[in-house]
């Protein structure tokens, strides 16, 4: 049998099968940035750029729901040596 309990808080940011973001969004101020380093040349580089941009976008969307970060925005740019991500709001 299962015991039913009341007033047990649900931990924030925990859903089965989901991990928190590995990006340092919580530590970033407006204008801060970080680099995701990889070789951006050739077809493989283009695939990696697309893949990392999707990862950043999905993580940002998830992070926007965090208390105090509803207006959190980012911008990305491909630079020599990788993909740079800036916090813009």
Protein backbone atom coordinates (compact mmCIF):
# COMPACT_ATOMS: atom_id res chain seq x y z
CA UNK A 1 0.00 0.00 0.00
CA UNK A 2 1.02 3.59 -0.57
CA UNK A 3 0.84 6.21 2.13
CA UNK A 4 -0.79 9.47 1.06
CA UNK A 5 0.87 12.60 2.46
CA UNK A 6 -0.01 16.29 2.36
CA UNK A 7 2.21 19.38 2.41
CA UNK A 8 5.24 17.76 0.76
CA UNK A 9 6.86 20.35 -1.51
CA UNK A 10 7.78 19.46 -5.08
CA UNK A 11 11.47 20.23 -5.70
CA UNK A 12 11.97 22.90 -8.36
CA UNK A 13 13.47 21.83 -11.67
CA UNK A 14 13.05 18.11 -11.25
CA UNK A 15 11.01 16.14 -13.70
CA UNK A 16 11.60 12.49 -14.45
CA UNK A 17 13.92 12.04 -17.39
CA UNK A 18 14.90 15.72 -17.57
CA UNK A 19 18.22 17.26 -16.64
CA UNK A 20 19.00 20.84 -15.76
CA UNK A 21 20.90 22.94 -18.23
CA UNK A 22 24.65 22.58 -18.39
CA UNK A 23 24.94 26.15 -19.68
CA UNK A 24 25.88 28.85 -17.12
CA UNK A 25 22.73 30.93 -17.65
CA UNK A 26 22.12 31.56 -13.92
CA UNK A 27 25.59 33.08 -13.51
CA UNK A 28 25.33 35.41 -16.51
CA UNK A 29 24.57 39.11 -16.45
CA UNK A 30 23.37 41.08 -19.47
CA UNK A 31 26.31 41.39 -21.87
CA UNK A 32 28.10 38.31 -20.54
CA UNK A 33 28.93 35.49 -22.95
CA UNK A 34 30.48 32.06 -23.15
CA UNK A 35 32.07 30.06 -25.95
CA UNK A 36 31.14 26.52 -26.92
CA UNK A 37 34.44 25.47 -28.52
CA UNK A 38 34.51 23.27 -31.62
CA UNK A 39 35.77 23.31 -35.20
CA UNK A 40 33.22 25.27 -37.24
CA UNK A 41 34.70 24.48 -40.66
CA UNK A 42 33.25 22.17 -43.28
CA UNK A 43 29.99 20.26 -43.40
CA UNK A 44 30.58 18.70 -39.98
CA UNK A 45 31.08 22.15 -38.50
CA UNK A 46 27.79 23.37 -39.97
CA UNK A 47 25.99 20.38 -38.45
CA UNK A 48 27.57 21.09 -35.07
CA UNK A 49 26.54 24.76 -35.25
CA UNK A 50 22.93 23.76 -35.92
CA UNK A 51 23.01 21.13 -33.17
CA UNK A 52 24.48 23.50 -30.55
CA UNK A 53 22.06 26.29 -31.48
CA UNK A 54 19.13 23.93 -30.92
CA UNK A 55 20.59 22.86 -27.57
CA UNK A 56 21.04 26.47 -26.48
CA UNK A 57 17.52 27.42 -27.63
CA UNK A 58 15.90 24.48 -25.85
CA UNK A 59 17.87 25.11 -22.67
CA UNK A 60 17.02 28.82 -22.79
CA UNK A 61 13.31 28.10 -23.20
CA UNK A 62 13.44 25.80 -20.21
CA UNK A 63 15.48 28.30 -18.19
CA UNK A 64 13.07 31.17 -18.96
CA UNK A 65 10.53 29.47 -16.70
CA UNK A 66 12.88 29.80 -13.73
CA UNK A 67 11.80 32.35 -11.16
CA UNK A 68 13.43 35.72 -11.83
CA UNK A 69 14.43 34.89 -15.41
CA UNK A 70 11.17 35.34 -17.36
CA UNK A 71 12.73 37.97 -19.66
CA UNK A 72 15.97 36.04 -20.22
CA UNK A 73 17.19 36.31 -23.83
CA UNK A 74 20.28 35.09 -25.67
CA UNK A 75 21.95 35.62 -29.00
CA UNK A 76 24.47 33.36 -30.72
CA UNK A 77 27.17 33.90 -33.32
CA UNK A 78 29.55 31.54 -35.08
CA UNK A 79 33.12 32.66 -34.50
CA UNK A 80 36.45 31.09 -35.25
CA UNK A 81 36.78 28.38 -32.65
CA UNK A 82 33.12 27.78 -31.87
CA UNK A 83 29.69 29.21 -31.08
CA UNK A 84 29.50 32.18 -28.72
CA UNK A 85 26.35 32.75 -26.65
CA UNK A 86 25.53 36.19 -25.20
CA UNK A 87 22.89 37.14 -22.66
CA UNK A 88 21.05 40.11 -24.16
CA UNK A 89 18.25 40.59 -21.60
